[in-house]
N, C-alpha and C. Protein backbone atom coordinates (compact mmCIF):
# COMPACT_ATOMS: atom_id res chain seq x y z
N MET A 1 -11.62 -13.30 12.18
CA MET A 1 -11.72 -12.22 11.21
C MET A 1 -10.78 -12.54 10.05
N ASN A 2 -11.29 -12.41 8.86
CA ASN A 2 -10.49 -12.64 7.66
C ASN A 2 -9.69 -11.38 7.37
N ASN A 3 -8.36 -11.49 7.37
CA ASN A 3 -7.49 -10.33 7.18
C ASN A 3 -6.45 -10.66 6.10
N PRO A 4 -6.89 -10.66 4.82
CA PRO A 4 -5.98 -11.05 3.73
C PRO A 4 -4.97 -9.95 3.42
N PRO A 5 -4.00 -10.24 2.56
CA PRO A 5 -3.07 -9.21 2.11
C PRO A 5 -3.84 -8.10 1.39
N ALA A 6 -3.39 -6.87 1.56
CA ALA A 6 -4.05 -5.73 0.92
C ALA A 6 -3.78 -5.70 -0.59
N PHE A 7 -2.61 -6.14 -0.98
CA PHE A 7 -2.23 -6.05 -2.39
C PHE A 7 -1.67 -7.39 -2.90
N PRO A 8 -2.50 -8.43 -2.94
CA PRO A 8 -1.99 -9.71 -3.46
C PRO A 8 -1.69 -9.58 -4.95
N TYR A 9 -0.83 -10.40 -5.42
CA TYR A 9 -0.53 -10.38 -6.85
C TYR A 9 -0.43 -11.81 -7.36
N PHE A 10 -0.66 -11.95 -8.64
CA PHE A 10 -0.59 -13.27 -9.26
C PHE A 10 0.79 -13.45 -9.86
N GLY A 11 1.57 -14.33 -9.27
CA GLY A 11 2.92 -14.60 -9.75
C GLY A 11 2.99 -15.91 -10.49
N HIS A 12 4.19 -16.38 -10.75
CA HIS A 12 4.38 -17.61 -11.52
C HIS A 12 3.88 -18.85 -10.77
N THR A 13 3.69 -18.75 -9.46
CA THR A 13 3.18 -19.89 -8.69
C THR A 13 1.73 -19.68 -8.24
N GLY A 14 1.08 -18.65 -8.73
CA GLY A 14 -0.30 -18.37 -8.34
C GLY A 14 -0.39 -17.12 -7.49
N TRP A 15 -1.47 -17.00 -6.77
CA TRP A 15 -1.69 -15.82 -5.94
C TRP A 15 -0.69 -15.78 -4.80
N SER A 16 -0.07 -14.65 -4.59
CA SER A 16 0.91 -14.48 -3.53
C SER A 16 0.21 -14.15 -2.22
N GLN A 17 0.64 -14.77 -1.16
CA GLN A 17 0.17 -14.45 0.18
C GLN A 17 1.33 -13.85 0.96
N SER A 18 1.93 -12.82 0.39
CA SER A 18 3.12 -12.22 0.97
C SER A 18 2.82 -11.62 2.34
N ALA A 19 3.85 -11.38 3.10
CA ALA A 19 3.72 -10.85 4.45
C ALA A 19 3.72 -9.33 4.46
N GLY A 20 3.28 -8.71 3.41
CA GLY A 20 3.24 -7.25 3.35
C GLY A 20 2.08 -6.69 4.14
N MET A 21 1.62 -5.54 3.74
CA MET A 21 0.51 -4.87 4.42
C MET A 21 -0.76 -5.71 4.33
N THR A 22 -1.43 -5.84 5.45
CA THR A 22 -2.70 -6.57 5.47
C THR A 22 -3.84 -5.62 5.12
N LEU A 23 -4.98 -6.19 4.83
CA LEU A 23 -6.15 -5.38 4.53
C LEU A 23 -6.54 -4.55 5.75
N ARG A 24 -6.39 -5.11 6.95
CA ARG A 24 -6.68 -4.37 8.19
C ARG A 24 -5.79 -3.14 8.30
N ASP A 25 -4.48 -3.31 8.02
CA ASP A 25 -3.55 -2.18 8.05
C ASP A 25 -3.94 -1.12 7.02
N TYR A 26 -4.32 -1.56 5.83
CA TYR A 26 -4.72 -0.63 4.76
C TYR A 26 -5.96 0.14 5.17
N PHE A 27 -6.97 -0.57 5.69
CA PHE A 27 -8.19 0.10 6.14
C PHE A 27 -7.88 1.10 7.26
N ALA A 28 -7.02 0.72 8.19
CA ALA A 28 -6.66 1.61 9.30
C ALA A 28 -5.93 2.85 8.79
N ALA A 29 -5.06 2.67 7.80
CA ALA A 29 -4.35 3.82 7.23
C ALA A 29 -5.33 4.79 6.57
N LYS A 30 -6.29 4.25 5.85
CA LYS A 30 -7.30 5.11 5.22
C LYS A 30 -8.18 5.78 6.26
N ALA A 31 -8.52 5.04 7.31
CA ALA A 31 -9.37 5.59 8.37
C ALA A 31 -8.66 6.73 9.10
N ILE A 32 -7.39 6.54 9.43
CA ILE A 32 -6.67 7.59 10.16
C ILE A 32 -6.49 8.83 9.29
N GLN A 33 -6.36 8.62 8.01
CA GLN A 33 -6.27 9.76 7.08
C GLN A 33 -7.57 10.57 7.14
N GLY A 34 -8.70 9.90 7.12
CA GLY A 34 -9.98 10.59 7.20
C GLY A 34 -10.21 11.24 8.55
N ILE A 35 -9.83 10.53 9.62
CA ILE A 35 -9.98 11.09 10.97
C ILE A 35 -9.17 12.38 11.10
N CYS A 36 -7.93 12.34 10.64
CA CYS A 36 -7.06 13.52 10.75
C CYS A 36 -7.57 14.67 9.89
N ALA A 37 -8.16 14.37 8.75
CA ALA A 37 -8.66 15.42 7.87
C ALA A 37 -9.94 16.05 8.40
N SER A 38 -10.63 15.37 9.34
CA SER A 38 -11.91 15.86 9.83
C SER A 38 -11.79 16.95 10.89
N GLY A 39 -10.61 17.14 11.46
CA GLY A 39 -10.42 18.22 12.42
C GLY A 39 -10.31 17.80 13.87
N PRO A 40 -11.29 17.09 14.45
CA PRO A 40 -11.22 16.78 15.88
C PRO A 40 -9.98 15.99 16.28
N ALA A 41 -9.40 15.29 15.37
CA ALA A 41 -8.24 14.46 15.68
C ALA A 41 -7.06 15.30 16.17
N LEU A 42 -7.05 16.57 15.89
CA LEU A 42 -5.95 17.41 16.33
C LEU A 42 -5.84 17.44 17.85
N GLU A 43 -6.92 17.15 18.54
CA GLU A 43 -6.93 17.17 20.00
C GLU A 43 -6.68 15.78 20.59
N TRP A 44 -6.56 14.75 19.76
CA TRP A 44 -6.41 13.38 20.23
C TRP A 44 -4.95 13.01 20.37
N SER A 45 -4.67 12.08 21.28
CA SER A 45 -3.31 11.55 21.40
C SER A 45 -3.06 10.58 20.24
N ASN A 46 -1.81 10.30 20.00
CA ASN A 46 -1.47 9.32 18.95
C ASN A 46 -2.05 7.96 19.27
N ASP A 47 -2.06 7.57 20.55
CA ASP A 47 -2.64 6.28 20.93
C ASP A 47 -4.12 6.23 20.60
N ARG A 48 -4.83 7.31 20.86
CA ARG A 48 -6.27 7.33 20.56
C ARG A 48 -6.49 7.29 19.05
N LEU A 49 -5.70 8.05 18.30
CA LEU A 49 -5.83 8.02 16.84
C LEU A 49 -5.66 6.60 16.30
N ALA A 50 -4.63 5.92 16.77
CA ALA A 50 -4.37 4.56 16.29
C ALA A 50 -5.50 3.62 16.71
N ALA A 51 -5.96 3.74 17.94
CA ALA A 51 -7.03 2.87 18.43
C ALA A 51 -8.32 3.09 17.62
N GLU A 52 -8.66 4.33 17.35
CA GLU A 52 -9.87 4.64 16.59
C GLU A 52 -9.75 4.12 15.15
N ALA A 53 -8.58 4.29 14.55
CA ALA A 53 -8.38 3.85 13.17
C ALA A 53 -8.51 2.32 13.07
N TYR A 54 -7.89 1.59 14.01
CA TYR A 54 -7.98 0.14 13.96
C TYR A 54 -9.37 -0.37 14.35
N ALA A 55 -10.07 0.35 15.21
CA ALA A 55 -11.45 -0.03 15.53
C ALA A 55 -12.32 0.09 14.28
N MET A 56 -12.11 1.16 13.52
CA MET A 56 -12.86 1.33 12.28
C MET A 56 -12.48 0.26 11.26
N ALA A 57 -11.20 -0.05 11.18
CA ALA A 57 -10.74 -1.10 10.25
C ALA A 57 -11.37 -2.44 10.61
N ASP A 58 -11.46 -2.74 11.90
CA ASP A 58 -12.09 -4.00 12.33
C ASP A 58 -13.56 -4.04 11.92
N LYS A 59 -14.24 -2.91 12.03
CA LYS A 59 -15.65 -2.84 11.61
C LYS A 59 -15.78 -3.03 10.11
N MET A 60 -14.85 -2.48 9.34
CA MET A 60 -14.89 -2.65 7.89
C MET A 60 -14.65 -4.11 7.50
N LEU A 61 -13.72 -4.77 8.18
CA LEU A 61 -13.48 -6.19 7.89
C LEU A 61 -14.70 -7.02 8.26
N ALA A 62 -15.34 -6.70 9.38
CA ALA A 62 -16.55 -7.44 9.78
C ALA A 62 -17.67 -7.23 8.77
N ALA A 63 -17.80 -6.02 8.26
CA ALA A 63 -18.84 -5.73 7.27
C ALA A 63 -18.60 -6.53 5.99
N ARG A 64 -17.35 -6.75 5.63
CA ARG A 64 -17.04 -7.55 4.44
C ARG A 64 -17.51 -8.99 4.61
N GLU A 65 -17.40 -9.52 5.82
CA GLU A 65 -17.81 -10.90 6.07
C GLU A 65 -19.33 -11.05 6.06
N ASN A 66 -20.04 -9.97 6.32
CA ASN A 66 -21.50 -10.00 6.39
C ASN A 66 -22.19 -9.57 5.10
N LYS A 67 -21.43 -9.44 4.02
CA LYS A 67 -22.04 -8.96 2.77
C LYS A 67 -22.92 -9.98 2.13
């Protein structure tokens, strides 16, 4: 799975591949935000919330590879 940096930048040596937030982490953060806003997440454990968010992030990364 291709998991590039979420916020690469072009510096004096070219594109940065810094060790910051990955695209998977960014997608998971957005997914958990939506899950929590939808209501049912209030009944879920933190472990389930995280698992669901990363499962969705993995699907989004896979969809990018199949475009």
